[in-house]
Amino acid sequence: MQWQQRLMALLFACLPLTEVGASPASVNASMRLAVVTEQGDVLVDALVPSEGRWCIQWQHSVEHFTVLDCYRNAAGVMQLERSHQPDFAAGLGHIFGRGEQVSDGEGGYWINAIDEPVANNRYALRVGSSAVNHQVVWPNGEHSPVSLSKYAAGQRVIIQLLSPSTAPRE
């Protein structure tokens, strides 16, 4: 009987971690992308199906070109999937062993296959000014872009992936 208990413990240890309170059925279902300000204002609250994607897009503050960090709902886990940069400006670039750098055919590059889970399905972002224009965009146009800079320039926001029944929190 002890070997069966050890086997079960090992199997449970190998299961992927999900959001606290997530049921197995919710892992493969739609999740909610929420962006919330420090004051509790909800700037984005959108359903994201399993394998659904969204990006945070902004203008580089020095070079003034568009940068994209693209995420996906990977069975209930927020993953940084890929990133796009037009050149190697300060603070940008590919880190060896983290994804694969490929040309975008227009002088810039994509870093594909990053597939890095975001801790606790949430992270903080200090939103830039209207010149930076941080915004949430959907690659397939499922939703209209939302300018975070329009509503929260200079503020800290929390970007989070939640089960459909969980209320957004700062």
N, C-alpha and C. Protein backbone atom coordinates (compact mmCIF):
# COMPACT_ATOMS: atom_id res chain seq x y z
N MET A 1 0.82 -1.20 0.00
CA MET A 1 0.00 0.00 0.00
C MET A 1 0.87 1.27 0.00
N GLN A 2 2.04 1.22 0.66
CA GLN A 2 2.89 2.41 0.70
C GLN A 2 3.37 2.81 -0.69
N TRP A 3 3.67 1.84 -1.53
CA TRP A 3 4.15 2.17 -2.88
C TRP A 3 3.05 2.87 -3.68
N GLN A 4 1.76 2.50 -3.43
CA GLN A 4 0.67 3.16 -4.12
C GLN A 4 0.54 4.62 -3.68
N GLN A 5 0.70 4.87 -2.39
CA GLN A 5 0.64 6.24 -1.87
C GLN A 5 1.79 7.07 -2.44
N ARG A 6 2.99 6.48 -2.51
CA ARG A 6 4.13 7.20 -3.08
C ARG A 6 3.91 7.49 -4.56
N LEU A 7 3.35 6.52 -5.27
CA LEU A 7 3.06 6.71 -6.68
C LEU A 7 2.05 7.85 -6.87
N MET A 8 0.99 7.86 -6.08
CA MET A 8 -0.02 8.93 -6.17
C MET A 8 0.61 10.29 -5.85
N ALA A 9 1.45 10.35 -4.83
CA ALA A 9 2.12 11.60 -4.46
C ALA A 9 3.00 12.08 -5.61
N LEU A 10 3.71 11.16 -6.25
CA LEU A 10 4.55 11.51 -7.38
C LEU A 10 3.72 12.01 -8.56
N LEU A 11 2.61 11.34 -8.84
CA LEU A 11 1.74 11.77 -9.93
C LEU A 11 1.18 13.16 -9.68
N PHE A 12 0.73 13.43 -8.46
CA PHE A 12 0.20 14.75 -8.14
C PHE A 12 1.28 15.81 -8.22
N ALA A 13 2.51 15.47 -7.85
CA ALA A 13 3.61 16.43 -7.93
C ALA A 13 3.92 16.80 -9.38
N CYS A 14 3.61 15.92 -10.31
CA CYS A 14 3.89 16.18 -11.72
C CYS A 14 2.78 16.94 -12.43
N LEU A 15 1.63 17.10 -11.80
CA LEU A 15 0.53 17.82 -12.42
C LEU A 15 0.90 19.29 -12.56
N PRO A 16 0.46 19.96 -13.64
CA PRO A 16 0.75 21.38 -13.79
C PRO A 16 0.01 22.19 -12.74
N LEU A 17 0.66 23.27 -12.29
CA LEU A 17 0.02 24.16 -11.32
C LEU A 17 -0.99 25.04 -12.05
N THR A 18 -2.11 25.29 -11.42
CA THR A 18 -3.12 26.17 -11.98
C THR A 18 -3.49 27.20 -10.93
N GLU A 19 -4.29 28.15 -11.32
CA GLU A 19 -4.75 29.18 -10.41
C GLU A 19 -5.46 28.54 -9.22
N VAL A 20 -5.24 29.09 -8.02
CA VAL A 20 -5.90 28.56 -6.84
C VAL A 20 -7.39 28.55 -7.06
N GLY A 21 -8.01 27.42 -6.79
CA GLY A 21 -9.45 27.30 -6.94
C GLY A 21 -9.89 26.89 -8.34
N ALA A 22 -8.95 26.75 -9.27
CA ALA A 22 -9.34 26.35 -10.62
C ALA A 22 -9.65 24.86 -10.63
N SER A 23 -10.74 24.52 -11.25
CA SER A 23 -11.10 23.11 -11.38
C SER A 23 -10.52 22.58 -12.68
N PRO A 24 -10.36 21.26 -12.82
CA PRO A 24 -9.84 20.72 -14.07
C PRO A 24 -10.66 21.16 -15.28
N ALA A 25 -11.95 21.31 -15.12
CA ALA A 25 -12.79 21.74 -16.25
C ALA A 25 -12.46 23.16 -16.67
N SER A 26 -12.10 24.04 -15.71
CA SER A 26 -11.83 25.43 -16.06
C SER A 26 -10.48 25.61 -16.71
N VAL A 27 -9.57 24.64 -16.53
CA VAL A 27 -8.23 24.77 -17.10
C VAL A 27 -8.29 24.82 -18.62
N ASN A 28 -9.19 24.07 -19.24
CA ASN A 28 -9.28 24.04 -20.69
C ASN A 28 -10.36 24.97 -21.23
N ALA A 29 -10.99 25.72 -20.35
CA ALA A 29 -12.05 26.63 -20.76
C ALA A 29 -11.50 28.04 -20.90
N SER A 30 -12.38 28.94 -21.23
CA SER A 30 -12.00 30.34 -21.32
C SER A 30 -11.57 30.87 -19.97
N MET A 31 -10.65 31.81 -20.01
CA MET A 31 -10.20 32.54 -18.83
C MET A 31 -10.53 34.01 -19.10
N ARG A 32 -10.30 34.85 -18.10
CA ARG A 32 -10.53 36.28 -18.25
C ARG A 32 -9.22 37.03 -18.14
N LEU A 33 -8.97 37.89 -19.11
CA LEU A 33 -7.84 38.81 -19.03
C LEU A 33 -8.37 40.08 -18.38
N ALA A 34 -7.74 40.48 -17.28
CA ALA A 34 -8.16 41.70 -16.58
C ALA A 34 -6.95 42.60 -16.38
N VAL A 35 -7.17 43.89 -16.56
CA VAL A 35 -6.16 44.89 -16.25
C VAL A 35 -6.82 45.85 -15.26
N VAL A 36 -6.20 45.98 -14.07
CA VAL A 36 -6.79 46.73 -12.98
C VAL A 36 -5.80 47.77 -12.45
N THR A 37 -6.29 49.00 -12.19
CA THR A 37 -5.43 50.05 -11.64
C THR A 37 -5.29 49.88 -10.12
N GLU A 38 -4.39 50.65 -9.52
CA GLU A 38 -4.21 50.63 -8.06
C GLU A 38 -5.48 51.07 -7.33
N GLN A 39 -6.31 51.87 -8.00
CA GLN A 39 -7.56 52.34 -7.40
C GLN A 39 -8.68 51.32 -7.57
N GLY A 40 -8.41 50.22 -8.27
CA GLY A 40 -9.42 49.20 -8.46
C GLY A 40 -10.25 49.36 -9.73
N ASP A 41 -9.90 50.34 -10.57
CA ASP A 41 -10.62 50.52 -11.83
C ASP A 41 -10.23 49.41 -12.80
N VAL A 42 -11.22 48.77 -13.38
CA VAL A 42 -10.97 47.70 -14.34
C VAL A 42 -10.91 48.31 -15.74
N LEU A 43 -9.72 48.25 -16.35
CA LEU A 43 -9.53 48.82 -17.69
C LEU A 43 -9.81 47.81 -18.79
N VAL A 44 -9.55 46.54 -18.50
CA VAL A 44 -9.80 45.46 -19.45
C VAL A 44 -10.41 44.30 -18.68
N ASP A 45 -11.45 43.72 -19.22
CA ASP A 45 -12.05 42.50 -18.68
C ASP A 45 -12.61 41.75 -19.88
N ALA A 46 -11.80 40.83 -20.43
CA ALA A 46 -12.16 40.14 -21.67
C ALA A 46 -11.97 38.64 -21.54
N LEU A 47 -12.90 37.88 -22.09
CA LEU A 47 -12.75 36.43 -22.13
C LEU A 47 -11.67 36.05 -23.12
N VAL A 48 -10.82 35.10 -22.71
CA VAL A 48 -9.77 34.59 -23.57
C VAL A 48 -9.89 33.07 -23.59
N PRO A 49 -10.24 32.49 -24.74
CA PRO A 49 -10.38 31.03 -24.80
C PRO A 49 -9.03 30.35 -24.60
N SER A 50 -9.06 29.06 -24.30
CA SER A 50 -7.82 28.30 -24.21
C SER A 50 -7.08 28.46 -25.54
N GLU A 51 -5.81 28.77 -25.45
CA GLU A 51 -4.92 29.07 -26.59
C GLU A 51 -5.20 30.44 -27.21
N GLY A 52 -6.08 31.24 -26.60
CA GLY A 52 -6.31 32.60 -27.06
C GLY A 52 -5.10 33.47 -26.79
N ARG A 53 -4.94 34.51 -27.58
CA ARG A 53 -3.74 35.35 -27.51
C ARG A 53 -4.09 36.83 -27.40
N TRP A 54 -3.17 37.59 -26.78
CA TRP A 54 -3.25 39.05 -26.70
C TRP A 54 -1.82 39.57 -26.59
N CYS A 55 -1.64 40.85 -26.86
CA CYS A 55 -0.32 41.47 -26.78
C CYS A 55 -0.39 42.78 -26.02
N ILE A 56 0.70 43.11 -25.38
CA ILE A 56 0.90 44.46 -24.84
C ILE A 56 1.80 45.16 -25.86
N GLN A 57 1.31 46.27 -26.38
CA GLN A 57 2.00 47.01 -27.44
C GLN A 57 2.33 48.40 -26.93
N TRP A 58 3.51 48.90 -27.27
CA TRP A 58 3.88 50.25 -26.89
C TRP A 58 4.94 50.80 -27.82
N GLN A 59 5.14 52.11 -27.73
CA GLN A 59 6.18 52.79 -28.49
C GLN A 59 7.41 52.93 -27.60
N HIS A 60 8.55 52.48 -28.10
CA HIS A 60 9.80 52.59 -27.34
C HIS A 60 10.03 54.06 -27.02
N SER A 61 10.32 54.38 -25.76
CA SER A 61 10.38 55.78 -25.32
C SER A 61 11.55 56.55 -25.91
N VAL A 62 12.62 55.89 -26.35
CA VAL A 62 13.77 56.58 -26.93
C VAL A 62 13.75 56.49 -28.45
N GLU A 63 13.60 55.29 -28.98
CA GLU A 63 13.67 55.07 -30.43
C GLU A 63 12.33 55.29 -31.13
N HIS A 64 11.22 55.31 -30.38
CA HIS A 64 9.88 55.60 -30.90
C HIS A 64 9.38 54.60 -31.94
N PHE A 65 9.74 53.33 -31.79
CA PHE A 65 9.18 52.30 -32.65
C PHE A 65 8.28 51.40 -31.81
N THR A 66 7.46 50.61 -32.49
CA THR A 66 6.49 49.76 -31.81
C THR A 66 7.14 48.47 -31.32
N VAL A 67 6.85 48.12 -30.07
CA VAL A 67 7.32 46.88 -29.44
C VAL A 67 6.08 46.09 -29.05
N LEU A 68 6.15 44.76 -29.14
CA LEU A 68 5.05 43.87 -28.75
C LEU A 68 5.56 42.76 -27.86
N ASP A 69 4.87 42.53 -26.75
CA ASP A 69 5.05 41.32 -25.95
C ASP A 69 3.72 40.58 -26.06
N CYS A 70 3.76 39.36 -26.57
CA CYS A 70 2.53 38.61 -26.85
C CYS A 70 2.40 37.41 -25.92
N TYR A 71 1.20 37.25 -25.41
CA TYR A 71 0.88 36.23 -24.40
C TYR A 71 -0.20 35.30 -24.93
N ARG A 72 -0.38 34.18 -24.24
CA ARG A 72 -1.47 33.28 -24.55
C ARG A 72 -1.99 32.62 -23.29
N ASN A 73 -3.22 32.17 -23.37
CA ASN A 73 -3.84 31.36 -22.33
C ASN A 73 -3.49 29.91 -22.67
N ALA A 74 -2.47 29.38 -22.01
CA ALA A 74 -2.01 28.01 -22.26
C ALA A 74 -2.64 27.11 -21.20
N ALA A 75 -3.86 26.65 -21.47
CA ALA A 75 -4.60 25.77 -20.56
C ALA A 75 -4.69 26.38 -19.16
N GLY A 76 -5.02 27.67 -19.10
CA GLY A 76 -5.22 28.34 -17.82
C GLY A 76 -3.98 29.02 -17.26
N VAL A 77 -2.86 28.95 -17.97
CA VAL A 77 -1.61 29.59 -17.52
C VAL A 77 -1.25 30.71 -18.48
N MET A 78 -1.01 31.92 -17.94
CA MET A 78 -0.55 33.03 -18.77
C MET A 78 0.90 32.74 -19.15
N GLN A 79 1.17 32.71 -20.46
CA GLN A 79 2.52 32.49 -20.94
C GLN A 79 2.94 33.64 -21.84
N LEU A 80 4.18 34.13 -21.63
CA LEU A 80 4.80 35.03 -22.60
C LEU A 80 5.21 34.15 -23.76
N GLU A 81 4.55 34.32 -24.90
CA GLU A 81 4.76 33.43 -26.04
C GLU A 81 5.84 33.95 -26.98
N ARG A 82 5.78 35.26 -27.29
CA ARG A 82 6.72 35.82 -28.26
C ARG A 82 6.84 37.32 -28.06
N SER A 83 7.86 37.90 -28.65
CA SER A 83 8.10 39.33 -28.52
C SER A 83 8.61 39.85 -29.86
N HIS A 84 8.23 41.08 -30.20
CA HIS A 84 8.69 41.69 -31.46
C HIS A 84 9.37 43.01 -31.18
N GLN A 85 10.55 43.19 -31.79
CA GLN A 85 11.28 44.45 -31.70
C GLN A 85 11.85 44.79 -33.08
N PRO A 86 11.78 46.05 -33.45
CA PRO A 86 12.34 46.44 -34.74
C PRO A 86 13.86 46.53 -34.77
N ASP A 87 14.52 46.68 -33.60
CA ASP A 87 15.98 46.65 -33.56
C ASP A 87 16.45 46.39 -32.13
N PHE A 88 17.74 46.43 -31.94
CA PHE A 88 18.32 46.14 -30.62
C PHE A 88 18.53 47.42 -29.83
N ALA A 89 17.48 48.15 -29.54
CA ALA A 89 17.58 49.38 -28.75
C ALA A 89 17.88 49.03 -27.29
N ALA A 90 18.19 50.04 -26.51
CA ALA A 90 18.50 49.84 -25.10
C ALA A 90 17.40 49.07 -24.39
N GLY A 91 17.78 48.02 -23.69
CA GLY A 91 16.83 47.25 -22.91
C GLY A 91 16.12 46.17 -23.70
N LEU A 92 16.34 46.11 -25.01
CA LEU A 92 15.68 45.10 -25.83
C LEU A 92 16.72 44.15 -26.41
N GLY A 93 16.28 43.00 -26.77
CA GLY A 93 17.18 42.04 -27.41
C GLY A 93 16.85 40.63 -27.01
N HIS A 94 17.49 39.72 -27.69
CA HIS A 94 17.29 38.29 -27.47
C HIS A 94 18.29 37.79 -26.44
N ILE A 95 17.82 36.97 -25.52
CA ILE A 95 18.67 36.33 -24.52
C ILE A 95 18.87 34.89 -24.97
N PHE A 96 20.12 34.49 -25.16
CA PHE A 96 20.42 33.14 -25.64
C PHE A 96 19.73 32.10 -24.76
N GLY A 97 19.09 31.12 -25.40
CA GLY A 97 18.40 30.05 -24.68
C GLY A 97 16.97 30.37 -24.31
N ARG A 98 16.52 31.57 -24.62
CA ARG A 98 15.14 31.99 -24.30
C ARG A 98 14.42 32.30 -25.61
N GLY A 99 13.80 31.28 -26.17
CA GLY A 99 13.11 31.46 -27.44
C GLY A 99 14.07 31.41 -28.61
N GLU A 100 13.52 31.71 -29.78
CA GLU A 100 14.28 31.65 -31.01
C GLU A 100 14.10 32.95 -31.77
N GLN A 101 15.20 33.62 -32.09
CA GLN A 101 15.14 34.89 -32.81
C GLN A 101 15.05 34.64 -34.31
N VAL A 102 14.04 35.26 -34.94
CA VAL A 102 13.88 35.15 -36.39
C VAL A 102 13.59 36.54 -36.96
N SER A 103 13.98 36.76 -38.18
CA SER A 103 13.74 38.03 -38.85
C SER A 103 12.25 38.22 -39.10
N ASP A 104 11.80 39.46 -39.02
CA ASP A 104 10.40 39.73 -39.37
C ASP A 104 10.27 40.10 -40.85
N GLY A 105 11.40 40.10 -41.57
CA GLY A 105 11.40 40.41 -42.99
C GLY A 105 11.38 41.89 -43.30
N GLU A 106 11.35 42.72 -42.25
CA GLU A 106 11.29 44.17 -42.43
C GLU A 106 12.38 44.90 -41.64
N GLY A 107 13.45 44.18 -41.29
CA GLY A 107 14.56 44.78 -40.56
C GLY A 107 14.48 44.59 -39.05
N GLY A 108 13.37 44.09 -38.56
CA GLY A 108 13.22 43.81 -37.14
C GLY A 108 13.28 42.32 -36.90
N TYR A 109 12.83 41.90 -35.73
CA TYR A 109 12.86 40.48 -35.44
C TYR A 109 11.79 40.10 -34.42
N TRP A 110 11.41 38.83 -34.49
CA TRP A 110 10.54 38.20 -33.51
C TRP A 110 11.40 37.28 -32.66
N ILE A 111 11.09 37.21 -31.39
CA ILE A 111 11.62 36.14 -30.55
C ILE A 111 10.43 35.23 -30.32
N ASN A 112 10.44 34.09 -30.98
CA ASN A 112 9.34 33.13 -30.92
C ASN A 112 9.65 32.04 -29.91
N ALA A 113 8.63 31.30 -29.53
CA ALA A 113 8.76 30.12 -28.67
C ALA A 113 9.42 30.44 -27.33
N ILE A 114 9.12 31.62 -26.78
CA ILE A 114 9.59 31.92 -25.42
C ILE A 114 8.85 31.01 -24.45
N ASP A 115 7.52 30.98 -24.58
CA ASP A 115 6.66 30.07 -23.81
C ASP A 115 7.01 30.03 -22.32
N GLU A 116 7.14 31.21 -21.74
CA GLU A 116 7.54 31.36 -20.34
C GLU A 116 6.31 31.67 -19.49
N PRO A 117 5.98 30.80 -18.53
CA PRO A 117 4.83 31.08 -17.67
C PRO A 117 5.05 32.36 -16.85
N VAL A 118 3.99 33.12 -16.68
CA VAL A 118 4.04 34.32 -15.84
C VAL A 118 3.63 33.89 -14.43
N ALA A 119 4.48 34.18 -13.46
CA ALA A 119 4.25 33.76 -12.08
C ALA A 119 2.88 34.22 -11.59
N ASN A 120 2.13 33.29 -11.03
CA ASN A 120 0.81 33.57 -10.46
C ASN A 120 -0.18 34.17 -11.45
N ASN A 121 0.07 34.00 -12.75
CA ASN A 121 -0.83 34.51 -13.79
C ASN A 121 -1.06 36.02 -13.69
N ARG A 122 -0.07 36.76 -13.17
CA ARG A 122 -0.26 38.21 -13.04
C ARG A 122 1.08 38.91 -12.96
N TYR A 123 1.13 40.15 -13.42
CA TYR A 123 2.32 40.97 -13.27
C TYR A 123 1.93 42.44 -13.25
N ALA A 124 2.82 43.25 -12.71
CA ALA A 124 2.60 44.69 -12.61
C ALA A 124 3.28 45.38 -13.79
N LEU A 125 2.65 46.45 -14.27
CA LEU A 125 3.20 47.26 -15.34
C LEU A 125 3.04 48.72 -14.96
N ARG A 126 4.11 49.50 -15.07
CA ARG A 126 4.01 50.95 -14.91
C ARG A 126 3.67 51.50 -16.29
N VAL A 127 2.48 52.02 -16.46
CA VAL A 127 1.97 52.47 -17.76
C VAL A 127 2.65 53.76 -18.17
N GLY A 128 3.08 53.79 -19.42
CA GLY A 128 3.74 54.97 -19.96
C GLY A 128 2.77 56.07 -20.36
N SER A 129 3.34 57.20 -20.73
CA SER A 129 2.55 58.36 -21.15
C SER A 129 1.84 58.08 -22.47
N SER A 130 1.06 59.05 -22.92
CA SER A 130 0.35 58.88 -24.20
C SER A 130 1.33 58.73 -25.35
N ALA A 131 2.54 59.28 -25.24
CA ALA A 131 3.55 59.12 -26.29
C ALA A 131 4.02 57.66 -26.38
N VAL A 132 4.07 56.97 -25.25
CA VAL A 132 4.45 55.54 -25.20
C VAL A 132 3.25 54.69 -25.63
N ASN A 133 2.07 55.08 -25.19
CA ASN A 133 0.80 54.43 -25.52
C ASN A 133 0.80 52.92 -25.30
N HIS A 134 1.00 52.52 -24.05
CA HIS A 134 0.81 51.10 -23.72
C HIS A 134 -0.63 50.74 -24.04
N GLN A 135 -0.82 49.65 -24.75
CA GLN A 135 -2.18 49.20 -25.04
C GLN A 135 -2.24 47.69 -25.13
N VAL A 136 -3.44 47.17 -24.89
CA VAL A 136 -3.72 45.75 -25.06
C VAL A 136 -4.32 45.60 -26.44
N VAL A 137 -3.72 44.70 -27.24
CA VAL A 137 -4.23 44.43 -28.58
C VAL A 137 -4.41 42.93 -28.75
N TRP A 138 -5.31 42.56 -29.63
CA TRP A 138 -5.59 41.15 -29.90
C TRP A 138 -5.17 40.88 -31.34
N PRO A 139 -4.24 39.92 -31.55
CA PRO A 139 -3.71 39.67 -32.90
C PRO A 139 -4.77 39.31 -33.93
N ASN A 140 -5.83 38.67 -33.52
CA ASN A 140 -6.88 38.28 -34.47
C ASN A 140 -8.05 39.25 -34.48
N GLY A 141 -7.92 40.37 -33.77
CA GLY A 141 -8.96 41.39 -33.78
C GLY A 141 -10.24 41.01 -33.06
N GLU A 142 -10.15 40.07 -32.09
CA GLU A 142 -11.36 39.66 -31.36
C GLU A 142 -11.97 40.82 -30.57
N HIS A 143 -11.14 41.72 -30.13
CA HIS A 143 -11.59 42.88 -29.34
C HIS A 143 -10.89 44.12 -29.90
N SER A 144 -11.47 45.28 -29.62
CA SER A 144 -10.81 46.53 -29.99
C SER A 144 -9.63 46.76 -29.07
N PRO A 145 -8.56 47.40 -29.57
CA PRO A 145 -7.42 47.73 -28.71
C PRO A 145 -7.88 48.63 -27.57
N VAL A 146 -7.23 48.48 -26.41
CA VAL A 146 -7.52 49.33 -25.25
C VAL A 146 -6.23 50.04 -24.86
N SER A 147 -6.25 51.37 -24.94
CA SER A 147 -5.08 52.17 -24.54
C SER A 147 -5.04 52.29 -23.03
N LEU A 148 -4.07 51.64 -22.42
CA LEU A 148 -3.89 51.77 -20.97
C LEU A 148 -3.38 53.16 -20.63
N SER A 149 -2.59 53.75 -21.53
CA SER A 149 -2.04 55.08 -21.29
C SER A 149 -3.14 56.14 -21.24
N LYS A 150 -4.20 55.95 -21.98
CA LYS A 150 -5.32 56.90 -21.97
C LYS A 150 -5.95 57.00 -20.59
N TYR A 151 -6.00 55.88 -19.88
CA TYR A 151 -6.71 55.83 -18.59
C TYR A 151 -5.80 55.77 -17.37
N ALA A 152 -4.52 55.38 -17.56
CA ALA A 152 -3.68 55.14 -16.38
C ALA A 152 -2.22 55.53 -16.59
N ALA A 153 -1.96 56.56 -17.39
CA ALA A 153 -0.57 56.98 -17.64
C ALA A 153 0.13 57.28 -16.32
N GLY A 154 1.34 56.74 -16.16
CA GLY A 154 2.13 56.97 -14.95
C GLY A 154 1.72 56.11 -13.77
N GLN A 155 0.70 55.30 -13.92
CA GLN A 155 0.21 54.47 -12.82
C GLN A 155 0.65 53.02 -12.97
N ARG A 156 0.60 52.32 -11.86
CA ARG A 156 0.85 50.88 -11.84
C ARG A 156 -0.47 50.17 -12.07
N VAL A 157 -0.46 49.20 -12.99
CA VAL A 157 -1.63 48.35 -13.21
C VAL A 157 -1.21 46.90 -13.03
N ILE A 158 -2.18 46.05 -12.75
CA ILE A 158 -1.95 44.61 -12.68
C ILE A 158 -2.62 43.99 -13.89
N ILE A 159 -1.84 43.23 -14.65
CA ILE A 159 -2.35 42.47 -15.79
C ILE A 159 -2.44 41.03 -15.31
N GLN A 160 -3.64 40.43 -15.42
CA GLN A 160 -3.84 39.11 -14.83
C GLN A 160 -4.78 38.25 -15.66
N LEU A 161 -4.53 36.95 -15.60
CA LEU A 161 -5.39 35.96 -16.24
C LEU A 161 -6.12 35.23 -15.13
N LEU A 162 -7.45 35.26 -15.17
CA LEU A 162 -8.28 34.75 -14.08
C LEU A 162 -9.29 33.73 -14.60
N SER A 163 -9.74 32.86 -13.69
CA SER A 163 -10.86 32.00 -14.06
C SER A 163 -12.08 32.90 -14.24
N PRO A 164 -13.05 32.47 -15.03
CA PRO A 164 -14.20 33.33 -15.32
C PRO A 164 -14.97 33.79 -14.08
N SER A 165 -14.94 33.03 -13.00
CA SER A 165 -15.71 33.39 -11.81
C SER A 165 -14.94 34.23 -10.80
N THR A 166 -13.66 34.50 -11.06
CA THR A 166 -12.85 35.26 -10.12
C THR A 166 -12.93 36.75 -10.43
N ALA A 167 -13.15 37.56 -9.39
CA ALA A 167 -13.21 39.01 -9.58
C ALA A 167 -11.80 39.56 -9.75
N PRO A 168 -11.60 40.50 -10.68
CA PRO A 168 -10.27 41.13 -10.84
C PRO A 168 -9.86 41.81 -9.55
N ARG A 169 -8.57 41.74 -9.26
CA ARG A 169 -8.05 42.41 -8.06
C ARG A 169 -6.75 43.12 -8.41
N GLU A 170 -6.49 44.17 -7.70
CA GLU A 170 -5.25 44.93 -7.88
C GLU A 170 -4.14 44.23 -7.12
